[in-house]
Protein backbone atom coordinates (compact mmCIF):
# COMPACT_ATOMS: atom_id res chain seq x y z
CA MET A 1 88.64 105.86 98.57
CA PRO A 2 86.60 102.81 99.03
CA SER A 3 88.00 99.99 101.69
CA ARG A 4 90.82 97.39 100.50
CA SER A 5 90.20 92.96 101.30
CA ALA A 6 87.54 94.27 104.09
CA ASP A 7 84.85 94.79 100.88
CA ARG A 8 85.34 91.28 99.66
CA ALA A 9 84.77 89.77 102.95
CA PRO A 10 81.77 87.76 103.92
CA GLY A 11 79.28 89.35 106.47
CA ARG A 12 77.92 92.41 107.71
CA ARG A 13 79.08 95.56 106.10
CA VAL A 14 79.61 98.85 108.65
CA ARG A 15 80.37 101.84 107.95
CA VAL A 16 83.04 103.61 109.70
CA ALA A 17 84.14 107.55 109.74
CA ILE A 18 87.51 108.44 110.75
CA PRO A 19 88.67 111.16 111.99
CA THR A 20 91.83 113.41 109.78
CA PRO A 21 94.50 112.33 112.12
CA LEU A 22 93.67 108.72 111.55
CA GLN A 23 93.03 109.17 107.84
CA SER A 24 96.92 108.24 107.38
CA TYR A 25 95.45 104.80 107.90
CA THR A 26 93.09 105.17 104.96
CA ALA A 27 95.54 106.03 102.72
CA GLY A 28 93.43 109.81 103.04
CA ALA A 29 89.73 107.61 103.07
CA ALA A 30 87.39 110.09 105.37
CA HIS A 31 84.85 106.96 105.35
CA VAL A 32 85.19 103.05 105.29
CA THR A 33 83.29 100.11 104.88
CA VAL A 34 84.71 97.12 106.88
CA ALA A 35 82.79 93.66 106.72
CA VAL A 36 82.14 91.59 110.48
CA ALA A 37 81.47 88.28 110.35
CA ALA A 38 80.11 87.91 114.18
CA ASP A 39 76.37 88.27 114.40
CA PRO A 40 75.55 90.07 115.90
CA PRO A 41 78.64 92.46 115.77
CA ARG A 42 79.96 93.90 119.03
CA LEU A 43 82.07 97.29 118.48
CA SER A 44 84.93 95.63 119.22
CA ASP A 45 84.38 93.40 116.44
CA VAL A 46 84.26 96.43 114.11
CA LEU A 47 87.58 97.92 115.42
CA ALA A 48 89.06 94.55 114.73
CA ALA A 49 88.07 94.19 111.30
CA LEU A 50 88.76 97.86 111.00
CA ASP A 51 92.60 97.40 111.79
CA ALA A 52 92.50 93.97 109.47
CA ALA A 53 91.90 96.28 106.89
CA TYR A 54 94.05 99.19 107.71
CA PRO A 55 96.84 97.40 110.54
CA GLY A 56 97.85 99.88 113.27
CA ILE A 57 94.51 102.02 113.50
CA ARG A 58 92.66 99.92 116.47
CA PHE A 59 96.18 100.91 118.45
CA ARG A 60 95.47 104.69 118.32
CA MET A 61 91.83 104.57 119.58
CA VAL A 62 91.73 101.32 121.86
CA ASP A 63 94.44 100.60 124.97
CA GLU A 64 96.07 97.19 125.82
CA ALA A 65 93.11 96.64 128.22
CA GLY A 66 90.83 96.56 124.90
CA ARG A 67 89.42 99.76 126.49
CA VAL A 68 88.06 102.97 124.15
CA ARG A 69 91.26 105.23 124.91
CA PRO A 70 90.09 108.48 126.74
CA HIS A 71 91.07 111.03 123.87
CA VAL A 72 88.73 109.10 121.92
CA GLN A 73 85.04 109.28 121.55
CA VAL A 74 82.99 106.48 119.43
CA PHE A 75 79.29 106.58 117.89
CA VAL A 76 77.43 104.09 117.17
CA GLY A 77 74.58 104.97 115.24
CA GLY A 78 74.37 108.88 116.57
CA ALA A 79 74.67 107.33 120.24
CA ILE A 80 78.15 107.90 122.09
CA GLU A 81 79.71 103.96 122.90
CA ARG A 82 83.00 103.33 125.60
CA ASP A 83 82.20 100.02 126.01
CA PRO A 84 83.65 97.58 123.36
CA ALA A 85 81.16 94.95 124.11
CA ALA A 86 78.25 97.43 122.72
CA PRO A 87 75.82 95.72 120.04
CA VAL A 88 76.16 97.62 116.68
CA PRO A 89 72.61 97.42 115.27
CA PRO A 90 72.02 96.94 111.49
CA GLY A 91 72.41 99.95 109.40
CA ALA A 92 74.23 101.63 112.32
CA ASP A 93 77.46 103.84 111.24
CA VAL A 94 80.30 103.94 113.47
CA PHE A 95 81.77 107.37 114.06
CA ILE A 96 85.47 107.97 115.26
CA VAL A 97 86.45 111.13 117.09
CA GLY A 98 89.03 112.72 118.19
CA ALA A 99 88.28 114.72 121.62
CA LEU A 100 88.71 118.26 121.74
CA SER A 101 90.24 119.77 124.47
CA GLY A 102 91.19 123.48 125.23
CA GLY A 103 91.25 126.32 127.67
């Protein structure tokens, strides 16, 4: 499913992979594209743009202090990233993954 209002907004476009447990926010879409006005964009800017297009999704990934939740892994351009201030290089995709645990 294509992104909603994010596709019409100005700014750099970033593709975000959405894990299955959060796809209820994106009407089942596994990948969405969001427009980020910041230049250069930071991970926090991408997550804010994602939340603007899909309200409520950011809170499932980021806590009240703005930190990535412990049960969530975020990859930027294939490298794990936990710092919301980390830059998102041109052409880099963002992958959100729910952490797995077991015994």
